[in-house]
Protein backbone atom coordinates (compact mmCIF):
# COMPACT_ATOMS: atom_id res chain seq x y z
CA MET A 1 -252.53 136.24 -136.20
CA MET A 2 -252.16 139.46 -134.20
CA PHE A 3 -253.17 142.52 -135.83
CA ILE A 4 -252.22 146.12 -134.79
CA ARG A 5 -254.09 149.62 -134.49
CA SER A 6 -252.68 152.92 -133.97
CA LYS A 7 -255.22 153.98 -130.75
CA LEU A 8 -255.36 157.55 -130.01
CA ILE A 9 -255.01 158.02 -126.08
CA GLY A 10 -253.92 161.16 -125.79
CA PHE A 11 -255.41 164.85 -127.26
CA GLY A 12 -253.87 168.68 -126.62
CA HIS A 13 -253.62 172.04 -127.95
CA CYS A 14 -252.31 175.80 -127.44
CA LEU A 15 -253.02 178.75 -128.84
CA PRO A 16 -251.39 182.06 -128.41
CA ALA A 17 -252.55 184.87 -126.51
CA LYS A 18 -253.46 187.16 -128.99
CA ILE A 19 -256.95 187.08 -130.24
CA LEU A 20 -257.66 189.42 -133.65
CA THR A 21 -261.49 189.94 -134.47
CA ASN A 22 -262.66 190.91 -137.34
CA ASP A 23 -263.47 194.24 -135.78
CA ASP A 24 -259.53 194.54 -135.32
CA LEU A 25 -258.77 193.81 -138.89
CA SER A 26 -261.43 196.11 -140.07
CA HIS A 27 -258.76 199.26 -138.97
CA MET A 28 -256.11 197.33 -140.65
CA VAL A 29 -257.62 196.74 -144.02
CA GLU A 30 -260.71 197.42 -146.10
CA THR A 31 -262.99 194.71 -144.44
CA SER A 32 -265.70 194.51 -142.17
CA ASP A 33 -267.01 191.50 -139.53
CA GLU A 34 -269.87 190.82 -141.99
CA TRP A 35 -267.87 190.91 -145.27
CA ILE A 36 -265.37 188.30 -143.35
CA ARG A 37 -268.21 186.32 -141.46
CA SER A 38 -270.63 186.12 -144.54
CA ARG A 39 -267.61 184.54 -146.94
CA THR A 40 -265.70 182.47 -144.52
CA GLY A 41 -267.72 182.01 -141.19
CA ILE A 42 -264.46 183.21 -139.46
CA ARG A 43 -265.37 185.51 -136.38
CA SER A 44 -261.61 185.77 -134.69
CA ARG A 45 -258.42 183.88 -134.87
CA HIS A 46 -255.14 183.83 -132.78
CA ILE A 47 -251.91 185.91 -133.42
CA ALA A 48 -248.32 184.63 -132.49
CA GLU A 49 -246.80 188.01 -131.23
CA THR A 50 -243.99 186.44 -129.16
CA GLU A 51 -244.57 182.55 -129.45
CA THR A 52 -242.69 180.43 -132.10
CA THR A 53 -244.29 177.68 -133.65
CA SER A 54 -242.07 175.23 -131.50
CA VAL A 55 -243.37 176.82 -128.53
CA ILE A 56 -246.97 176.19 -129.08
CA ALA A 57 -246.56 172.89 -130.87
CA GLY A 58 -244.19 172.10 -127.78
CA GLN A 59 -247.15 173.14 -125.15
CA ALA A 60 -249.49 171.07 -127.34
CA VAL A 61 -247.27 167.95 -127.50
CA SER A 62 -247.04 168.30 -123.53
CA ASN A 63 -250.38 168.61 -123.04
CA ALA A 64 -251.12 165.66 -125.09
CA ILE A 65 -248.49 163.64 -123.64
CA LYS A 66 -249.96 164.17 -120.32
CA ASP A 67 -253.33 163.70 -121.34
CA ALA A 68 -252.40 160.19 -122.29
CA GLY A 69 -251.12 159.71 -119.02
CA LEU A 70 -247.44 159.34 -120.21
CA LYS A 71 -244.33 160.98 -119.76
CA PRO A 72 -241.48 162.21 -122.69
CA GLU A 73 -239.38 159.81 -121.82
CA ASP A 74 -242.39 157.31 -123.39
CA ILE A 75 -242.75 158.34 -126.55
CA ASP A 76 -241.21 156.63 -129.57
CA LEU A 77 -241.53 158.83 -132.39
CA LEU A 78 -242.81 162.43 -133.09
CA ILE A 79 -243.84 164.16 -136.22
CA LEU A 80 -244.51 167.82 -136.47
CA ALA A 81 -246.56 168.79 -139.68
CA SER A 82 -245.73 172.68 -140.48
CA ILE A 83 -245.33 174.75 -142.98
CA THR A 84 -243.85 177.85 -140.47
CA PRO A 85 -240.58 176.15 -139.03
CA ASP A 86 -238.67 177.84 -136.26
CA ASN A 87 -235.93 177.47 -138.53
CA THR A 88 -234.95 176.18 -142.04
CA THR A 89 -232.87 173.14 -140.37
CA PRO A 90 -232.90 171.27 -138.31
CA SER A 91 -236.26 170.58 -137.76
CA THR A 92 -238.69 172.12 -135.35
CA ALA A 93 -240.21 168.58 -134.34
CA VAL A 94 -235.89 167.91 -133.09
CA LYS A 95 -236.21 171.21 -130.71
CA ILE A 96 -239.42 170.21 -129.24
CA ALA A 97 -237.96 166.56 -128.36
CA GLY A 98 -234.89 168.28 -127.01
CA ASN A 99 -237.03 170.69 -124.99
CA LEU A 100 -239.57 168.18 -123.38
CA GLY A 101 -236.84 165.71 -122.49
CA PHE A 102 -237.47 162.63 -124.94
CA ARG A 103 -234.95 159.65 -124.89
CA SER A 104 -231.98 160.51 -126.92
CA GLY A 105 -232.36 158.15 -130.46
CA VAL A 106 -236.25 159.00 -130.44
CA PRO A 107 -236.85 160.01 -134.23
CA ALA A 108 -238.10 163.20 -134.63
CA PHE A 109 -238.78 165.23 -137.95
CA ASP A 110 -241.08 167.49 -139.92
CA ILE A 111 -243.25 167.28 -142.75
CA SER A 112 -244.60 169.95 -144.84
CA ALA A 113 -247.99 169.04 -146.62
CA ALA A 114 -249.46 172.49 -145.76
CA CYS A 115 -253.36 171.67 -144.67
CA SER A 116 -253.15 168.38 -145.32
CA GLY A 117 -250.21 167.83 -143.11
CA PHE A 118 -251.69 166.15 -140.20
CA VAL A 119 -253.24 163.34 -142.12
CA TYR A 120 -250.24 162.76 -143.60
CA ALA A 121 -248.63 162.54 -140.33
CA LEU A 122 -251.08 160.25 -139.03
CA THR A 123 -250.36 158.46 -141.73
CA LEU A 124 -247.05 157.84 -141.25
CA ALA A 125 -247.24 157.30 -137.78
CA ASP A 126 -249.70 154.83 -138.11
CA ASN A 127 -247.89 152.95 -141.13
CA MET A 128 -244.73 152.96 -138.78
CA ILE A 129 -246.82 151.60 -135.48
CA ARG A 130 -248.78 148.93 -137.62
CA LEU A 131 -245.20 147.57 -139.01
CA GLY A 132 -243.79 147.14 -135.31
CA GLN A 133 -240.93 150.00 -135.60
CA VAL A 134 -242.35 152.12 -132.73
CA LYS A 135 -245.40 151.51 -129.78
CA THR A 136 -245.93 154.95 -128.91
CA ALA A 137 -245.99 158.19 -131.14
CA VAL A 138 -247.00 161.90 -131.38
CA ILE A 139 -248.38 163.65 -134.18
CA ALA A 140 -248.51 167.48 -134.27
CA GLY A 141 -249.70 170.11 -136.16
CA ALA A 142 -248.54 173.46 -135.75
CA GLU A 143 -248.23 177.16 -137.70
CA CYS A 144 -247.42 180.91 -137.53
CA LEU A 145 -249.13 181.33 -140.48
CA SER A 146 -249.31 185.24 -139.34
CA LYS A 147 -245.58 185.26 -140.28
CA ILE A 148 -246.46 184.69 -144.25
CA VAL A 149 -249.48 186.30 -144.36
CA ASP A 150 -249.54 190.22 -146.14
CA TRP A 151 -251.60 192.30 -143.91
CA GLN A 152 -252.39 194.30 -146.78
CA ASP A 153 -254.45 192.15 -148.78
CA ARG A 154 -257.82 191.18 -147.24
CA ASN A 155 -258.50 188.21 -149.73
CA THR A 156 -256.09 186.48 -147.76
CA CYS A 157 -255.33 188.08 -144.34
CA VAL A 158 -258.55 187.44 -142.95
CA LEU A 159 -258.49 184.09 -143.58
CA PHE A 160 -255.44 183.02 -141.65
CA GLY A 161 -254.51 182.18 -137.91
CA ASP A 162 -251.98 180.62 -135.89
CA GLY A 163 -252.29 177.31 -133.38
CA ALA A 164 -251.31 173.79 -132.50
CA GLY A 165 -252.51 170.78 -131.78
CA ALA A 166 -251.42 167.10 -130.82
CA VAL A 167 -252.69 163.70 -130.66
CA VAL A 168 -250.95 160.43 -128.95
CA LEU A 169 -250.92 156.97 -131.07
CA GLN A 170 -249.93 153.64 -129.21
CA ALA A 171 -249.80 149.92 -130.73
CA GLU A 172 -252.75 147.91 -129.32
CA ALA A 173 -253.93 144.47 -130.79
CA GLY A 174 -256.97 144.48 -133.08
CA THR A 175 -258.73 142.18 -135.21
CA GLY A 176 -258.52 143.64 -138.68
CA LYS A 177 -262.19 144.56 -138.62
CA SER A 178 -264.06 147.85 -138.75
CA SER A 179 -264.97 147.04 -134.82
CA ASP A 180 -261.73 147.50 -133.92
CA ARG A 181 -260.69 151.16 -132.24
CA GLY A 182 -257.76 153.10 -133.65
CA VAL A 183 -256.78 154.38 -137.25
CA LEU A 184 -258.75 152.14 -139.67
CA SER A 185 -257.47 153.68 -142.60
CA THR A 186 -255.64 156.55 -144.55
CA HIS A 187 -255.02 157.38 -147.64
CA ILE A 188 -253.09 160.56 -149.05
CA TYR A 189 -252.89 162.26 -152.49
CA ALA A 190 -251.13 165.06 -154.12
CA ASP A 191 -251.45 166.57 -157.46
CA GLY A 192 -248.37 168.98 -158.36
CA ALA A 193 -250.05 170.08 -161.90
CA LEU A 194 -251.91 172.77 -159.35
CA TYR A 195 -248.88 173.94 -157.58
CA ASP A 196 -249.64 177.40 -158.59
CA CYS A 197 -253.20 177.91 -157.20
CA LEU A 198 -252.20 178.25 -153.49
CA LYS A 199 -248.20 178.95 -152.43
CA THR A 200 -245.91 181.34 -150.92
CA THR A 201 -244.31 184.09 -153.11
CA GLY A 202 -240.72 183.20 -151.55
CA GLY A 203 -238.62 180.17 -150.67
CA VAL A 204 -235.32 179.22 -149.41
CA SER A 205 -233.73 178.07 -152.89
CA SER A 206 -235.66 181.13 -154.94
CA THR A 207 -235.69 184.19 -152.89
CA GLN A 208 -233.83 183.86 -149.86
CA SER A 209 -237.05 184.45 -147.97
CA PRO A 210 -240.19 182.83 -146.96
CA GLY A 211 -242.63 185.32 -148.89
CA VAL A 212 -246.51 185.52 -148.69
CA VAL A 213 -249.30 183.57 -148.88
CA THR A 214 -251.21 184.05 -152.60
CA MET A 215 -254.11 182.11 -153.55
CA ASP A 216 -256.53 181.68 -156.48
CA GLY A 217 -259.78 181.19 -154.23
CA LYS A 218 -261.94 180.02 -157.02
CA GLU A 219 -259.70 176.84 -158.39
CA VAL A 220 -259.10 176.34 -154.44
CA PHE A 221 -262.88 176.14 -153.41
CA LYS A 222 -263.66 174.33 -156.65
CA HIS A 223 -261.09 171.27 -155.72
CA ALA A 224 -261.25 171.14 -151.77
CA VAL A 225 -264.94 170.47 -151.93
CA VAL A 226 -264.11 167.62 -154.64
CA SER A 227 -261.42 166.15 -153.11
CA LEU A 228 -262.09 166.66 -149.44
CA ALA A 229 -265.72 164.32 -149.85
CA GLU A 230 -264.36 161.86 -152.19
CA ALA A 231 -260.90 161.26 -149.74
CA ALA A 232 -263.55 160.96 -147.17
CA GLU A 233 -265.63 158.23 -149.24
CA VAL A 234 -262.76 156.60 -150.06
CA VAL A 235 -261.22 156.11 -146.54
CA LEU A 236 -264.89 154.99 -145.27
CA GLN A 237 -264.86 151.93 -147.84
CA GLU A 238 -261.15 151.20 -147.26
CA ALA A 239 -262.19 150.96 -143.64
CA GLY A 240 -265.41 148.78 -144.59
CA LEU A 241 -267.81 151.37 -143.27
CA SER A 242 -270.24 153.71 -144.79
CA LYS A 243 -271.52 157.42 -144.24
CA SER A 244 -274.22 156.17 -141.89
CA ASN A 245 -271.87 155.05 -139.74
CA ILE A 246 -269.89 158.77 -139.21
CA ASP A 247 -270.20 160.08 -135.70
CA TRP A 248 -267.97 163.28 -136.44
CA LEU A 249 -266.59 164.94 -139.36
CA ILE A 250 -263.44 166.72 -138.76
CA PRO A 251 -262.71 168.34 -142.19
CA HIS A 252 -259.68 170.83 -142.31
CA GLN A 253 -261.13 174.28 -141.03
CA ALA A 254 -260.76 176.81 -144.43
CA ASN A 255 -264.15 178.05 -145.30
CA VAL A 256 -267.52 177.27 -143.39
CA ARG A 257 -268.73 177.36 -147.04
CA ILE A 258 -266.46 174.41 -148.24
CA VAL A 259 -267.27 172.85 -145.23
CA ASP A 260 -271.07 173.02 -145.70
CA SER A 261 -271.00 171.98 -149.64
CA VAL A 262 -268.43 168.83 -148.36
CA ARG A 263 -271.09 168.06 -145.73
CA GLN A 264 -273.97 168.09 -148.41
CA ARG A 265 -271.85 165.53 -150.45
CA LEU A 266 -271.24 162.94 -148.04
CA GLU A 267 -274.95 163.88 -146.95
CA ILE A 268 -274.07 164.30 -143.40
CA PRO A 269 -276.36 166.18 -140.87
CA GLU A 270 -274.97 169.57 -139.48
CA ASP A 271 -274.76 168.41 -136.43
CA LYS A 272 -272.10 165.83 -136.80
CA VAL A 273 -269.60 168.19 -138.22
CA ILE A 274 -266.97 170.00 -136.18
CA ILE A 275 -266.88 173.66 -136.53
CA THR A 276 -263.56 175.27 -135.29
CA LEU A 277 -262.71 177.97 -137.78
CA ASP A 278 -265.32 180.46 -136.52
CA HIS A 279 -262.88 181.22 -133.63
CA HIS A 280 -259.28 179.50 -134.91
CA GLY A 281 -259.63 180.65 -138.67
CA ASN A 282 -257.70 178.53 -140.93
CA THR A 283 -254.80 177.19 -138.97
CA SER A 284 -253.34 174.97 -141.99
CA ALA A 285 -251.58 171.59 -140.47
CA ALA A 286 -252.56 172.97 -136.87
CA SER A 287 -256.35 172.83 -138.13
CA ILE A 288 -257.80 169.14 -137.59
CA PRO A 289 -255.66 168.18 -134.76
CA LEU A 290 -257.13 171.63 -133.10
CA ALA A 291 -260.38 170.41 -133.52
CA LEU A 292 -259.44 167.14 -132.15
CA SER A 293 -258.56 168.35 -128.72
CA GLU A 294 -260.91 171.07 -128.35
CA SER A 295 -263.82 168.82 -129.05
CA HIS A 296 -262.28 166.23 -126.95
CA GLN A 297 -261.63 168.93 -124.18
CA LYS A 298 -265.54 169.76 -124.34
CA GLY A 299 -266.11 166.06 -123.60
CA LEU A 300 -268.30 165.64 -127.04
CA PHE A 301 -266.22 162.70 -127.98
CA LYS A 302 -267.44 158.92 -126.15
CA ASP A 303 -265.97 155.33 -127.03
CA GLY A 304 -266.61 153.67 -130.22
CA ASP A 305 -267.58 157.19 -131.86
CA VAL A 306 -266.24 156.89 -135.73
CA LEU A 307 -264.78 159.71 -136.77
CA VAL A 308 -263.41 160.74 -140.67
CA LEU A 309 -260.98 163.42 -140.78
CA THR A 310 -260.09 165.16 -144.25
CA ALA A 311 -258.05 167.70 -145.20
CA MET A 312 -256.76 169.56 -148.43
CA GLY A 313 -254.14 172.10 -148.83
CA ALA A 314 -251.12 173.68 -151.15
CA GLY A 315 -249.63 171.56 -153.42
CA PHE A 316 -252.55 170.19 -154.11
CA THR A 317 -252.50 167.78 -150.89
CA TRP A 318 -255.03 166.02 -149.67
CA GLY A 319 -256.16 163.04 -147.80
CA GLY A 320 -258.44 161.45 -145.39
CA ALA A 321 -258.88 158.99 -142.64
CA VAL A 322 -261.23 157.28 -140.27
CA ILE A 323 -260.47 156.35 -136.65
CA ARG A 324 -262.56 154.48 -134.14
CA LEU A 325 -262.28 155.87 -130.89
């Protein structure tokens, strides 16, 4: 019996041209480079000025397709994770598919799961590939969070940045064992009882405007550390692997204190944790694919490496995935 796996064959990312440093922010709100770095680990972030989500996501998708040695017409599915679409409707994924020249009839859609969006999208695409519904898929995470940030609130505006990342998945025969290459396991969750801990102040049906991000930082931190670590442990168990098998932990890039607490709970050395938040900030659904693509570009990964992805965001939503390259 043939077992189908979703193998990662291409990576791509895109960042807006403008870089906003902590020193720049200190001229906008009452803050400082030392205050931001000591509490978050962030030094700078990219900010979209003329770019929209479809522009940066489209470039990331195009880069990933080229990296895979494919063309847009080879793609069977596009899923974009984002909470900052170009328009309420149609989806930004459809816009990207049209701009890049995907075949007519290829499904393309957005999902909204905040910072967990990429893991949600990965789960959906992997399921569709394993069911034989599609052969080659692109999943992307992209955000222009600067458009929904209150630039007078120093507790939130220092955290967020804009960017996009994407990966190409392709069906490959496997054995069903943990030695297979590709996505080995995924698991996603949500708890709507925590809805108010991290949200925007507006929306289409409530205020007819997007609103701005608000957050209960203490609650987010408390739940993030536990959820991120537990999701990683669950997917490792489902994949038939242990913590000692992890070559790279790639967590959602929200706050260096959260990342380090998760690392300690999982008993993983610092040199096995990918950190990009220092120069990206929190890019929500884009953070994990940005980290994947940047690490691939730097040559950090080798064939056979085991990657553990784990994310948590507004909703609360959270989840994890294990991938063998």
